[in-house]
C-alpha atoms as a PDB file:
ATOM      1  CA  MET A   1      -6.845  16.681   4.140  1.00  0.00           C
ATOM      2  CA  ILE A   2      -3.490  15.479   5.341  1.00  0.00           C
ATOM      3  CA  GLN A   3      -2.495  12.067   4.051  1.00  0.00           C
ATOM      4  CA  ARG A   4       0.286  10.109   5.591  1.00  0.00           C
ATOM      5  CA  PHE A   5       1.935   6.657   5.486  1.00  0.00           C
ATOM      6  CA  ILE A   6       2.352   4.665   8.139  1.00  0.00           C
ATOM      7  CA  GLU A   7       4.655   2.003   7.666  1.00  0.00           C
ATOM      8  CA  LEU A   8       4.114  -1.369   9.130  1.00  0.00           C
ATOM      9  CA  GLY A   9       7.007  -3.959   8.805  1.00  0.00           C
ATOM     10  CA  GLU A  10       7.844  -6.480   5.741  1.00  0.00           C
ATOM     11  CA  GLY A  11       7.155  -9.954   7.396  1.00  0.00           C
ATOM     12  CA  TYR A  12       4.568 -12.336   7.675  1.00  0.00           C
ATOM     13  CA  SER A  13       3.023 -10.909  10.937  1.00  0.00           C
ATOM     14  CA  ASP A  14       3.009  -7.505   9.279  1.00  0.00           C
ATOM     15  CA  ILE A  15       0.667  -8.625   6.539  1.00  0.00           C
ATOM     16  CA  TYR A  16      -1.595 -10.376   8.824  1.00  0.00           C
ATOM     17  CA  GLU A  17      -1.876  -6.845  10.585  1.00  0.00           C
ATOM     18  CA  TRP A  18      -2.738  -5.182   7.494  1.00  0.00           C
ATOM     19  CA  MET A  19      -5.433  -7.407   6.716  1.00  0.00           C
ATOM     20  CA  GLU A  20      -6.801  -6.978  10.106  1.00  0.00           C
ATOM     21  CA  LEU A  21      -6.672  -3.253   9.552  1.00  0.00           C
ATOM     22  CA  LEU A  22      -8.628  -4.059   6.567  1.00  0.00           C
ATOM     23  CA  GLU A  23     -11.475  -6.329   8.236  1.00  0.00           C
ATOM     24  CA  THR A  24     -11.827  -3.627  10.992  1.00  0.00           C
ATOM     25  CA  ASN A  25     -12.236  -0.606   9.049  1.00  0.00           C
ATOM     26  CA  GLU A  26     -14.489  -1.762   6.270  1.00  0.00           C
ATOM     27  CA  GLY A  27     -16.447   1.233   6.692  1.00  0.00           C
ATOM     28  CA  ARG A  28     -13.546   3.642   6.030  1.00  0.00           C
ATOM     29  CA  PHE A  29     -12.229   1.725   3.140  1.00  0.00           C
ATOM     30  CA  HIS A  30     -11.254   4.156   0.123  1.00  0.00           C
ATOM     31  CA  ASN A  31      -8.380   2.090  -1.960  1.00  0.00           C
ATOM     32  CA  VAL A  32      -5.803  -0.754  -1.861  1.00  0.00           C
ATOM     33  CA  CYS A  33      -2.746  -0.511  -3.967  1.00  0.00           C
ATOM     34  CA  ILE A  34      -0.361  -3.071  -4.856  1.00  0.00           C
ATOM     35  CA  PHE A  35       3.107  -1.158  -6.131  1.00  0.00           C
ATOM     36  CA  THR A  36       5.844  -2.919  -8.013  1.00  0.00           C
ATOM     37  CA  SER A  37       9.451  -1.847  -7.427  1.00  0.00           C
ATOM     38  CA  VAL A  38      12.782  -3.277  -8.875  1.00  0.00           C
ATOM     39  CA  LEU A  39      16.335  -3.158  -7.224  1.00  0.00           C
ATOM     40  CA  LYS A  40      19.112  -5.285  -9.130  1.00  0.00           C
ATOM     41  CA  ASP A  41      17.094  -7.184 -10.941  1.00  0.00           C
ATOM     42  CA  VAL A  42      14.840  -7.867  -8.209  1.00  0.00           C
ATOM     43  CA  LYS A  43      10.988  -7.211  -8.261  1.00  0.00           C
ATOM     44  CA  LYS A  44       9.360  -6.331  -5.036  1.00  0.00           C
ATOM     45  CA  LEU A  45       6.025  -5.502  -3.960  1.00  0.00           C
ATOM     46  CA  SER A  46       4.496  -3.464  -1.541  1.00  0.00           C
ATOM     47  CA  VAL A  47       0.880  -3.043  -0.374  1.00  0.00           C
ATOM     48  CA  ALA A  48      -0.875  -0.034   0.635  1.00  0.00           C
ATOM     49  CA  LEU A  49      -4.576   0.388   2.424  1.00  0.00           C
ATOM     50  CA  ILE A  50      -5.739   3.976   1.838  1.00  0.00           C
ATOM     51  CA  LEU A  51      -8.333   4.716   4.603  1.00  0.00           C
ATOM     52  CA  LYS A  52     -11.008   7.637   4.452  1.00  0.00           C
ATOM     53  CA  PRO A  53     -10.672  10.238   7.523  1.00  0.00           C
ATOM     54  CA  ALA A  54     -12.260   8.899  10.799  1.00  0.00           C
ATOM     55  CA  SER A  55     -15.561  10.955  11.538  1.00  0.00           C
ATOM     56  CA  GLU A  56     -14.602  14.963  11.773  1.00  0.00           C
ATOM     57  CA  SER A  57     -10.802  14.290  11.127  1.00  0.00           C
ATOM     58  CA  LYS A  58      -8.736  15.718   8.169  1.00  0.00           C
ATOM     59  CA  PHE A  59      -6.350  12.724   8.174  1.00  0.00           C
ATOM     60  CA  MET A  60      -6.420   9.939   5.998  1.00  0.00           C
ATOM     61  CA  PRO A  61      -3.840   7.061   6.941  1.00  0.00           C
ATOM     62  CA  ILE A  62      -1.915   5.037   4.220  1.00  0.00           C
ATOM     63  CA  TYR A  63      -0.922   1.722   6.271  1.00  0.00           C
ATOM     64  CA  PHE A  64       2.098   0.649   4.152  1.00  0.00           C
ATOM     65  CA  CYS A  65       4.036  -2.881   3.870  1.00  0.00           C
ATOM     66  CA  ARG A  66       7.046  -1.585   1.926  1.00  0.00           C
ATOM     67  CA  GLU A  67       8.930  -3.844  -0.780  1.00  0.00           C
ATOM     68  CA  GLY A  68       9.150  -7.115   1.839  1.00  0.00           C
ATOM     69  CA  ILE A  69       7.510  -9.203  -0.799  1.00  0.00           C
ATOM     70  CA  GLU A  70       9.584 -10.948  -3.373  1.00  0.00           C
ATOM     71  CA  TYR A  71       7.697 -10.925  -6.850  1.00  0.00           C
ATOM     72  CA  SER A  72       7.927 -14.188  -9.263  1.00  0.00           C
ATOM     73  CA  LEU A  73       6.565 -15.219 -11.809  1.00  0.00           C
ATOM     74  CA  GLU A  74       7.123 -18.887 -11.219  1.00  0.00           C
ATOM     75  CA  LYS A  75       6.162 -18.817  -7.431  1.00  0.00           C
ATOM     76  CA  THR A  76       4.122 -16.347  -5.971  1.00  0.00           C
ATOM     77  CA  SER A  77       4.470 -15.273  -2.352  1.00  0.00           C
ATOM     78  CA  LYS A  78       2.216 -16.471   0.051  1.00  0.00           C
ATOM     79  CA  ARG A  79       2.264 -13.158   1.528  1.00  0.00           C
ATOM     80  CA  ILE A  80       0.674 -11.758  -1.807  1.00  0.00           C
ATOM     81  CA  GLN A  81      -1.473 -14.714  -2.275  1.00  0.00           C
ATOM     82  CA  LEU A  82      -3.056 -13.810   1.231  1.00  0.00           C
ATOM     83  CA  VAL A  83      -4.029 -10.495   0.359  1.00  0.00           C
ATOM     84  CA  GLU A  84      -5.122 -11.114  -3.275  1.00  0.00           C
ATOM     85  CA  LYS A  85      -7.634 -14.012  -1.545  1.00  0.00           C
ATOM     86  CA  THR A  86      -8.543 -10.895   1.254  1.00  0.00           C
ATOM     87  CA  MET A  87      -9.397  -8.447  -1.581  1.00  0.00           C
ATOM     88  CA  LYS A  88     -11.269 -11.098  -3.724  1.00  0.00           C
ATOM     89  CA  GLU A  89     -13.334 -11.778  -0.381  1.00  0.00           C
ATOM     90  CA  LYS A  90     -14.219  -8.474  -0.211  1.00  0.00           C
ATOM     91  CA  ASN A  91     -14.682  -8.001  -3.803  1.00  0.00           C
ATOM     92  CA  TYR A  92     -12.351  -5.081  -3.787  1.00  0.00           C
ATOM     93  CA  SER A  93      -9.941  -4.716  -6.596  1.00  0.00           C
ATOM     94  CA  PRO A  94      -6.543  -3.177  -5.779  1.00  0.00           C
ATOM     95  CA  HIS A  95      -4.672  -0.507  -8.244  1.00  0.00           C
ATOM     96  CA  ARG A  96      -1.451  -1.949  -9.453  1.00  0.00           C
ATOM     97  CA  LEU A  97       0.991   0.596 -10.069  1.00  0.00           C
ATOM     98  CA  GLU A  98       4.927   0.278 -11.107  1.00  0.00           C
ATOM     99  CA  VAL A  99       6.959   2.924  -8.745  1.00  0.00           C
ATOM    100  CA  LYS A 100      10.504   3.632  -8.250  1.00  0.00           C
ATOM    101  CA  HIS A 101      12.211   1.694  -5.297  1.00  0.00           C
ATOM    102  CA  SER A 102      12.766   3.323  -2.162  1.00  0.00           C
ATOM    103  CA  SER A 103      16.448   3.073  -1.987  1.00  0.00           C
ATOM    104  CA  TYR A 104      16.262   5.526  -4.927  1.00  0.00           C
ATOM    105  CA  PHE A 105      15.437   8.478  -2.011  1.00  0.00           C
ATOM    106  CA  ALA A 106      17.267   9.921   0.969  1.00  0.00           C
ATOM    107  CA  GLU A 107      15.158   9.314   3.132  1.00  0.00           C
ATOM    108  CA  PRO A 108      11.324   7.536   3.727  1.00  0.00           C
ATOM    109  CA  ALA A 109       9.815  10.843   3.732  1.00  0.00           C
ATOM    110  CA  LEU A 110      10.917  11.663   0.699  1.00  0.00           C
ATOM    111  CA  TYR A 111       9.787   8.600  -0.524  1.00  0.00           C
ATOM    112  CA  HIS A 112       6.360   8.795   0.795  1.00  0.00           C
ATOM    113  CA  GLN A 113       5.712  12.361  -1.160  1.00  0.00           C
ATOM    114  CA  TYR A 114       6.745  10.535  -4.238  1.00  0.00           C
ATOM    115  CA  LEU A 115       4.125   7.920  -3.847  1.00  0.00           C
ATOM    116  CA  THR A 116       1.546  10.567  -2.618  1.00  0.00           C
ATOM    117  CA  GLY A 117       2.261  12.236  -5.846  1.00  0.00           C
ATOM    118  CA  VAL A 118       2.080   8.938  -7.874  1.00  0.00           C
ATOM    119  CA  LEU A 119      -1.382   8.442  -6.153  1.00  0.00           C
ATOM    120  CA  ARG A 120      -2.613  11.868  -6.640  1.00  0.00           C
ATOM    121  CA  LEU A 121      -1.651  11.584 -10.555  1.00  0.00           C
ATOM    122  CA  HIS A 122      -3.630   8.508 -10.929  1.00  0.00           C
ATOM    123  CA  HIS A 123      -6.983  10.062  -9.017  1.00  0.00           C
ATOM    124  CA  ILE A 124      -6.075   7.490  -6.216  1.00  0.00           C
ATOM    125  CA  LEU A 125      -6.299   9.888  -3.585  1.00  0.00           C
ATOM    126  CA  PRO A 126      -7.898  13.120  -3.399  1.00  0.00           C
ATOM    127  CA  PRO A 127      -6.563  16.753  -4.094  1.00  0.00           C
ATOM    128  CA  LEU A 128      -5.177  18.534  -0.837  1.00  0.00           C
ATOM    129  CA  SER A 129      -8.139  20.648   0.125  1.00  0.00           C
END
């Protein structure tokens, strides 16, 4: 099984694209994760949609909006409100995980390997076969 991150952007339109992927691929839904990371005392959120492989494929995509949402207890971001509302409507419960910020890694591929390991450790992703 190949599991690969497909990065969307960090903006509003990217969250709408992410939600559309969730809507149109409900039959392939596997999990959703909300990652929290901190850089210079600023909390950032990332959202990941994990889909089951399509038909006979061995490819498990993880659609990912990386660290584009600022997190604050005082004021919730409109983007995270949209994600949480969609999740509630679908009766899905996201996994919330605290992870390292991507700036700790020399390149995105290393960050993706780190996240894959975290997801496997928590049994959110199936083991390699």
